[in-house]
């Protein structure tokens, strides 16, 4: 029998924790809950968690700091994060994406929408579209950089290994599979998140900016991921398929 996906709910509201754990269990998931950051880390040691639903506001710390720490922690850095926020302001969503969240949902929300978002995130982290599906031991070289698509390791021209969040990896793969082609925000949003962009949604701009930082690309005069004013972004580099990044 196939093992159920394990979801960890991190929220200080006991009613929300109970409701979501019960709802996810009824829909075929293994679900656990934590009320704060300390309990989250304990649960991560106890269970092989496939996705974290993380509230922005917690009593001992905030969800943004936890998400940032999670991305930097060996063994847990690739766990997808769905951020919950009580406010629908762009700033909260943008900062969440900056810290490495894979998606966000504004409270109050319908549990069915949460379930749909969880399934969507798990699908896209495990089964990329055919044009983005990693091939065994396939390495993509560009502008001195190299991405190993089997291990998702990005190596800089000076040999330094650069960590990528799940969102950063997917965005880089999209650019590498469409080099020297202008991609607008709606196209990038659809390919990354599987949904239409909301009006004035700047999440893609934030993710591009974050990826530029990883690639040491000057945001004022980017040479690798260039902005095409009024149209979108383009990866200005040729791509070389290699046997390894060594």
C-alpha atoms as a PDB file:
ATOM      1  CA  UNK A   1       0.000   0.000   0.000  1.00  0.00           C
ATOM      2  CA  UNK A   2       1.355   3.394  -0.983  1.00  0.00           C
ATOM      3  CA  UNK A   3       2.424   5.582   1.923  1.00  0.00           C
ATOM      4  CA  UNK A   4       0.256   8.641   2.521  1.00  0.00           C
ATOM      5  CA  UNK A   5       1.866  12.055   2.116  1.00  0.00           C
ATOM      6  CA  UNK A   6       2.707  13.625   5.463  1.00  0.00           C
ATOM      7  CA  UNK A   7       1.556  17.203   6.089  1.00  0.00           C
ATOM      8  CA  UNK A   8       2.650  19.284   9.081  1.00  0.00           C
ATOM      9  CA  UNK A   9       0.315  22.097  10.208  1.00  0.00           C
ATOM     10  CA  UNK A  10       2.093  24.860  12.163  1.00  0.00           C
ATOM     11  CA  UNK A  11      -0.462  27.234  13.681  1.00  0.00           C
ATOM     12  CA  UNK A  12      -1.033  28.604  17.184  1.00  0.00           C
ATOM     13  CA  UNK A  13      -4.826  28.342  16.881  1.00  0.00           C
ATOM     14  CA  UNK A  14      -5.884  24.948  18.360  1.00  0.00           C
ATOM     15  CA  UNK A  15      -9.200  24.986  16.479  1.00  0.00           C
ATOM     16  CA  UNK A  16      -7.460  25.478  13.117  1.00  0.00           C
ATOM     17  CA  UNK A  17      -4.961  22.732  13.946  1.00  0.00           C
ATOM     18  CA  UNK A  18      -7.720  20.278  14.866  1.00  0.00           C
ATOM     19  CA  UNK A  19      -9.874  21.165  11.852  1.00  0.00           C
ATOM     20  CA  UNK A  20      -7.035  20.856   9.333  1.00  0.00           C
ATOM     21  CA  UNK A  21      -5.563  17.656  10.788  1.00  0.00           C
ATOM     22  CA  UNK A  22      -9.006  16.006  10.713  1.00  0.00           C
ATOM     23  CA  UNK A  23      -9.822  17.318   7.239  1.00  0.00           C
ATOM     24  CA  UNK A  24      -6.507  16.221   5.716  1.00  0.00           C
ATOM     25  CA  UNK A  25      -6.750  12.798   7.395  1.00  0.00           C
ATOM     26  CA  UNK A  26     -10.210  12.319   5.866  1.00  0.00           C
ATOM     27  CA  UNK A  27      -8.695  13.128   2.469  1.00  0.00           C
ATOM     28  CA  UNK A  28      -5.961  10.513   2.583  1.00  0.00           C
ATOM     29  CA  UNK A  29      -3.069  12.394   4.185  1.00  0.00           C
ATOM     30  CA  UNK A  30      -1.052  11.691   7.286  1.00  0.00           C
ATOM     31  CA  UNK A  31      -1.360  14.943   9.233  1.00  0.00           C
ATOM     32  CA  UNK A  32       0.442  16.281  12.297  1.00  0.00           C
ATOM     33  CA  UNK A  33       0.318  19.639  14.040  1.00  0.00           C
ATOM     34  CA  UNK A  34       2.597  22.023  15.927  1.00  0.00           C
ATOM     35  CA  UNK A  35       1.634  25.178  17.789  1.00  0.00           C
ATOM     36  CA  UNK A  36       4.937  27.032  17.450  1.00  0.00           C
ATOM     37  CA  UNK A  37       8.447  26.882  16.021  1.00  0.00           C
ATOM     38  CA  UNK A  38       9.880  24.645  18.741  1.00  0.00           C
ATOM     39  CA  UNK A  39       7.184  22.042  18.184  1.00  0.00           C
ATOM     40  CA  UNK A  40       7.694  22.298  14.417  1.00  0.00           C
ATOM     41  CA  UNK A  41      11.353  21.304  14.697  1.00  0.00           C
ATOM     42  CA  UNK A  42      10.445  18.409  17.016  1.00  0.00           C
ATOM     43  CA  UNK A  43       7.812  17.136  14.589  1.00  0.00           C
ATOM     44  CA  UNK A  44      10.289  17.339  11.720  1.00  0.00           C
ATOM     45  CA  UNK A  45      12.637  15.058  13.650  1.00  0.00           C
ATOM     46  CA  UNK A  46       9.816  12.573  14.343  1.00  0.00           C
ATOM     47  CA  UNK A  47       8.218  12.378  10.902  1.00  0.00           C
ATOM     48  CA  UNK A  48       9.261  12.419   7.238  1.00  0.00           C
ATOM     49  CA  UNK A  49       7.241  15.518   6.332  1.00  0.00           C
ATOM     50  CA  UNK A  50       6.315  16.078   2.673  1.00  0.00           C
ATOM     51  CA  UNK A  51       4.853  19.598   3.041  1.00  0.00           C
ATOM     52  CA  UNK A  52       4.468  22.236   5.765  1.00  0.00           C
ATOM     53  CA  UNK A  53       1.452  24.519   6.145  1.00  0.00           C
ATOM     54  CA  UNK A  54       3.016  27.402   8.066  1.00  0.00           C
ATOM     55  CA  UNK A  55       1.182  30.295   9.726  1.00  0.00           C
ATOM     56  CA  UNK A  56       2.793  33.713   9.416  1.00  0.00           C
ATOM     57  CA  UNK A  57       2.093  34.744  13.023  1.00  0.00           C
ATOM     58  CA  UNK A  58       3.297  32.420  15.791  1.00  0.00           C
ATOM     59  CA  UNK A  59       3.825  33.028  19.532  1.00  0.00           C
ATOM     60  CA  UNK A  60       7.540  32.272  19.776  1.00  0.00           C
ATOM     61  CA  UNK A  61       8.693  33.468  16.356  1.00  0.00           C
ATOM     62  CA  UNK A  62       7.245  34.332  12.963  1.00  0.00           C
ATOM     63  CA  UNK A  63       6.614  32.039  10.018  1.00  0.00           C
ATOM     64  CA  UNK A  64       8.924  34.040   7.770  1.00  0.00           C
ATOM     65  CA  UNK A  65      11.929  33.416  10.029  1.00  0.00           C
ATOM     66  CA  UNK A  66      11.014  29.733  10.330  1.00  0.00           C
ATOM     67  CA  UNK A  67      10.759  29.432   6.555  1.00  0.00           C
ATOM     68  CA  UNK A  68      14.153  31.083   6.120  1.00  0.00           C
ATOM     69  CA  UNK A  69      15.738  28.814   8.752  1.00  0.00           C
ATOM     70  CA  UNK A  70      14.103  25.766   7.178  1.00  0.00           C
ATOM     71  CA  UNK A  71      15.625  26.552   3.773  1.00  0.00           C
ATOM     72  CA  UNK A  72      19.087  26.764   5.351  1.00  0.00           C
ATOM     73  CA  UNK A  73      18.809  23.547   7.395  1.00  0.00           C
ATOM     74  CA  UNK A  74      20.380  20.417   5.849  1.00  0.00           C
ATOM     75  CA  UNK A  75      17.847  17.666   5.278  1.00  0.00           C
ATOM     76  CA  UNK A  76      14.845  19.990   5.443  1.00  0.00           C
ATOM     77  CA  UNK A  77      15.681  22.692   2.904  1.00  0.00           C
ATOM     78  CA  UNK A  78      13.624  21.171   0.078  1.00  0.00           C
ATOM     79  CA  UNK A  79      10.379  20.628   2.012  1.00  0.00           C
ATOM     80  CA  UNK A  80       7.640  22.656   0.272  1.00  0.00           C
ATOM     81  CA  UNK A  81       6.024  25.393   2.369  1.00  0.00           C
ATOM     82  CA  UNK A  82       2.502  26.778   2.015  1.00  0.00           C
ATOM     83  CA  UNK A  83       2.350  30.034   3.971  1.00  0.00           C
ATOM     84  CA  UNK A  84      -0.840  31.126   5.759  1.00  0.00           C
ATOM     85  CA  UNK A  85      -1.374  34.827   6.397  1.00  0.00           C
ATOM     86  CA  UNK A  86      -4.245  36.676   8.058  1.00  0.00           C
ATOM     87  CA  UNK A  87      -3.604  39.678   5.870  1.00  0.00           C
ATOM     88  CA  UNK A  88      -4.003  39.858   2.123  1.00  0.00           C
ATOM     89  CA  UNK A  89      -1.441  42.597   1.582  1.00  0.00           C
ATOM     90  CA  UNK A  90       1.075  42.198  -1.231  1.00  0.00           C
ATOM     91  CA  UNK A  91       3.923  42.829   1.219  1.00  0.00           C
ATOM     92  CA  UNK A  92       3.192  39.658   3.204  1.00  0.00           C
ATOM     93  CA  UNK A  93       3.050  37.498   0.086  1.00  0.00           C
ATOM     94  CA  UNK A  94       6.198  39.028  -1.377  1.00  0.00           C
ATOM     95  CA  UNK A  95       8.227  38.574   1.815  1.00  0.00           C
ATOM     96  CA  UNK A  96       6.966  34.994   2.077  1.00  0.00           C
ATOM     97  CA  UNK A  97       8.212  34.236  -1.426  1.00  0.00           C
ATOM     98  CA  UNK A  98      11.521  35.965  -0.622  1.00  0.00           C
ATOM     99  CA  UNK A  99      11.991  33.676   2.376  1.00  0.00           C
ATOM    100  CA  UNK A 100      11.410  30.589   0.224  1.00  0.00           C
ATOM    101  CA  UNK A 101       7.685  29.809   0.560  1.00  0.00           C
ATOM    102  CA  UNK A 102       6.263  27.844  -2.377  1.00  0.00           C
ATOM    103  CA  UNK A 103       2.784  29.348  -2.205  1.00  0.00           C
ATOM    104  CA  UNK A 104       0.544  31.388   0.097  1.00  0.00           C
ATOM    105  CA  UNK A 105      -3.074  31.385   1.224  1.00  0.00           C
ATOM    106  CA  UNK A 106      -4.926  34.220   2.949  1.00  0.00           C
ATOM    107  CA  UNK A 107      -7.050  33.588   6.033  1.00  0.00           C
ATOM    108  CA  UNK A 108      -9.938  32.941   6.286  1.00  0.00           C
ATOM    109  CA  UNK A 109      -9.840  30.200   3.671  1.00  0.00           C
ATOM    110  CA  UNK A 110     -11.932  27.255   2.547  1.00  0.00           C
ATOM    111  CA  UNK A 111     -10.300  23.926   3.548  1.00  0.00           C
ATOM    112  CA  UNK A 112     -11.055  22.667   0.034  1.00  0.00           C
ATOM    113  CA  UNK A 113      -8.846  25.408  -1.407  1.00  0.00           C
ATOM    114  CA  UNK A 114      -6.073  24.504   1.021  1.00  0.00           C
ATOM    115  CA  UNK A 115      -6.364  20.871  -0.058  1.00  0.00           C
ATOM    116  CA  UNK A 116      -6.211  21.873  -3.725  1.00  0.00           C
ATOM    117  CA  UNK A 117      -3.118  24.033  -3.110  1.00  0.00           C
ATOM    118  CA  UNK A 118      -1.383  21.214  -1.217  1.00  0.00           C
ATOM    119  CA  UNK A 119      -2.050  18.725  -4.014  1.00  0.00           C
ATOM    120  CA  UNK A 120      -0.874  21.223  -6.635  1.00  0.00           C
ATOM    121  CA  UNK A 121       2.382  21.941  -4.789  1.00  0.00           C
ATOM    122  CA  UNK A 122       3.116  18.236  -4.310  1.00  0.00           C
ATOM    123  CA  UNK A 123       2.388  17.516  -7.978  1.00  0.00           C
ATOM    124  CA  UNK A 124       4.649  20.213  -9.311  1.00  0.00           C
ATOM    125  CA  UNK A 125       7.529  19.381  -6.962  1.00  0.00           C
ATOM    126  CA  UNK A 126       7.441  15.708  -7.964  1.00  0.00           C
ATOM    127  CA  UNK A 127       6.284  15.641 -11.558  1.00  0.00           C
ATOM    128  CA  UNK A 128       7.423  18.595 -13.602  1.00  0.00           C
ATOM    129  CA  UNK A 129       5.870  19.143 -17.043  1.00  0.00           C
ATOM    130  CA  UNK A 130       7.563  17.105 -19.829  1.00  0.00           C
ATOM    131  CA  UNK A 131       9.658  20.046 -21.018  1.00  0.00           C
ATOM    132  CA  UNK A 132      10.948  20.594 -17.459  1.00  0.00           C
ATOM    133  CA  UNK A 133      11.279  16.976 -16.290  1.00  0.00           C
ATOM    134  CA  UNK A 134      14.812  16.246 -15.051  1.00  0.00           C
ATOM    135  CA  UNK A 135      16.771  13.599 -16.885  1.00  0.00           C
ATOM    136  CA  UNK A 136      19.106  11.297 -14.961  1.00  0.00           C
ATOM    137  CA  UNK A 137      22.558  12.858 -14.484  1.00  0.00           C
ATOM    138  CA  UNK A 138      21.713  15.685 -16.874  1.00  0.00           C
ATOM    139  CA  UNK A 139      23.705  18.839 -16.205  1.00  0.00           C
ATOM    140  CA  UNK A 140      22.993  22.203 -17.802  1.00  0.00           C
ATOM    141  CA  UNK A 141      25.854  24.649 -18.210  1.00  0.00           C
ATOM    142  CA  UNK A 142      25.298  28.370 -18.778  1.00  0.00           C
ATOM    143  CA  UNK A 143      27.533  31.449 -18.415  1.00  0.00           C
ATOM    144  CA  UNK A 144      30.021  29.504 -16.296  1.00  0.00           C
ATOM    145  CA  UNK A 145      27.319  28.089 -14.024  1.00  0.00           C
ATOM    146  CA  UNK A 146      26.120  24.478 -13.950  1.00  0.00           C
ATOM    147  CA  UNK A 147      22.849  23.010 -12.709  1.00  0.00           C
ATOM    148  CA  UNK A 148      22.676  19.288 -11.947  1.00  0.00           C
ATOM    149  CA  UNK A 149      19.010  18.470 -12.533  1.00  0.00           C
ATOM    150  CA  UNK A 150      19.256  15.093 -10.814  1.00  0.00           C
ATOM    151  CA  UNK A 151      20.507  16.481  -7.489  1.00  0.00           C
ATOM    152  CA  UNK A 152      19.246  20.081  -8.008  1.00  0.00           C
ATOM    153  CA  UNK A 153      22.708  21.403  -7.116  1.00  0.00           C
ATOM    154  CA  UNK A 154      23.788  24.712  -8.682  1.00  0.00           C
ATOM    155  CA  UNK A 155      27.537  25.226  -9.000  1.00  0.00           C
ATOM    156  CA  UNK A 156      29.025  28.699  -9.487  1.00  0.00           C
ATOM    157  CA  UNK A 157      31.881  29.445 -11.914  1.00  0.00           C
ATOM    158  CA  UNK A 158      34.318  29.455  -8.973  1.00  0.00           C
ATOM    159  CA  UNK A 159      33.098  26.016  -7.851  1.00  0.00           C
ATOM    160  CA  UNK A 160      30.984  27.220  -4.935  1.00  0.00           C
ATOM    161  CA  UNK A 161      27.745  25.258  -4.507  1.00  0.00           C
ATOM    162  CA  UNK A 162      24.737  27.586  -4.318  1.00  0.00           C
ATOM    163  CA  UNK A 163      21.574  26.386  -2.519  1.00  0.00           C
ATOM    164  CA  UNK A 164      18.206  26.880  -4.227  1.00  0.00           C
ATOM    165  CA  UNK A 165      14.714  26.810  -2.787  1.00  0.00           C
ATOM    166  CA  UNK A 166      12.066  24.792  -4.617  1.00  0.00           C
ATOM    167  CA  UNK A 167      10.678  27.921  -6.252  1.00  0.00           C
ATOM    168  CA  UNK A 168      14.109  29.139  -7.334  1.00  0.00           C
ATOM    169  CA  UNK A 169      14.927  25.765  -8.882  1.00  0.00           C
ATOM    170  CA  UNK A 170      11.681  25.673 -10.861  1.00  0.00           C
ATOM    171  CA  UNK A 171      12.151  29.245 -12.088  1.00  0.00           C
ATOM    172  CA  UNK A 172      15.736  28.552 -13.161  1.00  0.00           C
ATOM    173  CA  UNK A 173      14.658  25.375 -14.976  1.00  0.00           C
ATOM    174  CA  UNK A 174      12.041  27.356 -16.895  1.00  0.00           C
ATOM    175  CA  UNK A 175      14.623  29.907 -18.006  1.00  0.00           C
ATOM    176  CA  UNK A 176      17.125  27.182 -18.929  1.00  0.00           C
ATOM    177  CA  UNK A 177      14.522  25.375 -21.030  1.00  0.00           C
ATOM    178  CA  UNK A 178      13.599  28.626 -22.808  1.00  0.00           C
ATOM    179  CA  UNK A 179      16.933  30.442 -23.266  1.00  0.00           C
ATOM    180  CA  UNK A 180      17.014  33.729 -25.186  1.00  0.00           C
ATOM    181  CA  UNK A 181      13.212  33.796 -25.224  1.00  0.00           C
ATOM    182  CA  UNK A 182      11.184  36.530 -23.538  1.00  0.00           C
ATOM    183  CA  UNK A 183       8.746  35.116 -20.970  1.00  0.00           C
ATOM    184  CA  UNK A 184       6.080  37.407 -19.538  1.00  0.00           C
ATOM    185  CA  UNK A 185       4.867  37.369 -15.929  1.00  0.00           C
ATOM    186  CA  UNK A 186       1.663  35.488 -16.712  1.00  0.00           C
ATOM    187  CA  UNK A 187       3.590  32.715 -18.475  1.00  0.00           C
ATOM    188  CA  UNK A 188       6.073  32.406 -15.610  1.00  0.00           C
ATOM    189  CA  UNK A 189       3.303  32.386 -12.994  1.00  0.00           C
ATOM    190  CA  UNK A 190       1.392  29.682 -14.844  1.00  0.00           C
ATOM    191  CA  UNK A 191       4.480  27.493 -15.303  1.00  0.00           C
ATOM    192  CA  UNK A 192       5.599  27.883 -11.673  1.00  0.00           C
ATOM    193  CA  UNK A 193       2.363  28.059  -9.719  1.00  0.00           C
ATOM    194  CA  UNK A 194      -0.181  26.587 -12.122  1.00  0.00           C
ATOM    195  CA  UNK A 195      -2.507  29.532 -11.662  1.00  0.00           C
ATOM    196  CA  UNK A 196      -3.244  32.895 -13.202  1.00  0.00           C
ATOM    197  CA  UNK A 197      -1.502  35.932 -11.784  1.00  0.00           C
ATOM    198  CA  UNK A 198      -3.578  38.120  -9.504  1.00  0.00           C
ATOM    199  CA  UNK A 199      -3.799  41.841 -10.341  1.00  0.00           C
ATOM    200  CA  UNK A 200      -0.609  43.615  -9.228  1.00  0.00           C
ATOM    201  CA  UNK A 201       0.871  40.317  -8.019  1.00  0.00           C
ATOM    202  CA  UNK A 202       4.617  40.956  -7.743  1.00  0.00           C
ATOM    203  CA  UNK A 203       5.581  37.448  -6.621  1.00  0.00           C
ATOM    204  CA  UNK A 204       7.298  36.657  -9.939  1.00  0.00           C
ATOM    205  CA  UNK A 205       9.331  39.877  -9.801  1.00  0.00           C
ATOM    206  CA  UNK A 206      10.470  38.944  -6.301  1.00  0.00           C
ATOM    207  CA  UNK A 207      11.430  35.409  -7.362  1.00  0.00           C
ATOM    208  CA  UNK A 208      13.393  36.739 -10.343  1.00  0.00           C
ATOM    209  CA  UNK A 209      15.185  39.188  -8.053  1.00  0.00           C
ATOM    210  CA  UNK A 210      16.018  36.389  -5.616  1.00  0.00           C
ATOM    211  CA  UNK A 211      17.293  34.143  -8.411  1.00  0.00           C
ATOM    212  CA  UNK A 212      19.470  36.987  -9.690  1.00  0.00           C
ATOM    213  CA  UNK A 213      21.046  37.209  -6.246  1.00  0.00           C
ATOM    214  CA  UNK A 214      21.810  33.488  -6.325  1.00  0.00           C
ATOM    215  CA  UNK A 215      23.415  33.937  -9.759  1.00  0.00           C
ATOM    216  CA  UNK A 216      25.341  37.038  -8.615  1.00  0.00           C
ATOM    217  CA  UNK A 217      23.558  39.004 -11.337  1.00  0.00           C
ATOM    218  CA  UNK A 218      23.541  42.762 -10.665  1.00  0.00           C
ATOM    219  CA  UNK A 219      19.874  43.768 -10.326  1.00  0.00           C
ATOM    220  CA  UNK A 220      20.646  47.303 -11.577  1.00  0.00           C
ATOM    221  CA  UNK A 221      22.363  46.091 -14.747  1.00  0.00           C
ATOM    222  CA  UNK A 222      21.623  42.357 -15.037  1.00  0.00           C
ATOM    223  CA  UNK A 223      23.662  40.517 -17.636  1.00  0.00           C
ATOM    224  CA  UNK A 224      22.141  37.051 -17.266  1.00  0.00           C
ATOM    225  CA  UNK A 225      18.419  37.391 -16.499  1.00  0.00           C
ATOM    226  CA  UNK A 226      17.501  40.569 -18.310  1.00  0.00           C
ATOM    227  CA  UNK A 227      14.333  42.627 -18.021  1.00  0.00           C
ATOM    228  CA  UNK A 228      12.566  43.407 -21.275  1.00  0.00           C
ATOM    229  CA  UNK A 229      10.553  46.487 -20.397  1.00  0.00           C
ATOM    230  CA  UNK A 230       6.840  46.024 -20.920  1.00  0.00           C
ATOM    231  CA  UNK A 231       7.263  42.360 -21.868  1.00  0.00           C
ATOM    232  CA  UNK A 232       8.960  40.233 -19.201  1.00  0.00           C
ATOM    233  CA  UNK A 233      12.292  38.497 -18.613  1.00  0.00           C
ATOM    234  CA  UNK A 234      14.817  36.642 -20.738  1.00  0.00           C
ATOM    235  CA  UNK A 235      17.778  34.392 -19.918  1.00  0.00           C
ATOM    236  CA  UNK A 236      20.560  35.791 -22.110  1.00  0.00           C
ATOM    237  CA  UNK A 237      22.833  32.767 -22.387  1.00  0.00           C
ATOM    238  CA  UNK A 238      23.437  29.685 -24.463  1.00  0.00           C
ATOM    239  CA  UNK A 239      22.868  26.312 -22.763  1.00  0.00           C
ATOM    240  CA  UNK A 240      25.259  23.370 -22.835  1.00  0.00           C
ATOM    241  CA  UNK A 241      24.204  19.844 -21.862  1.00  0.00           C
ATOM    242  CA  UNK A 242      26.992  18.132 -19.938  1.00  0.00           C
ATOM    243  CA  UNK A 243      27.637  14.755 -18.376  1.00  0.00           C
ATOM    244  CA  UNK A 244      28.563  16.377 -15.055  1.00  0.00           C
ATOM    245  CA  UNK A 245      29.198  19.721 -13.399  1.00  0.00           C
ATOM    246  CA  UNK A 246      32.725  18.751 -12.367  1.00  0.00           C
END
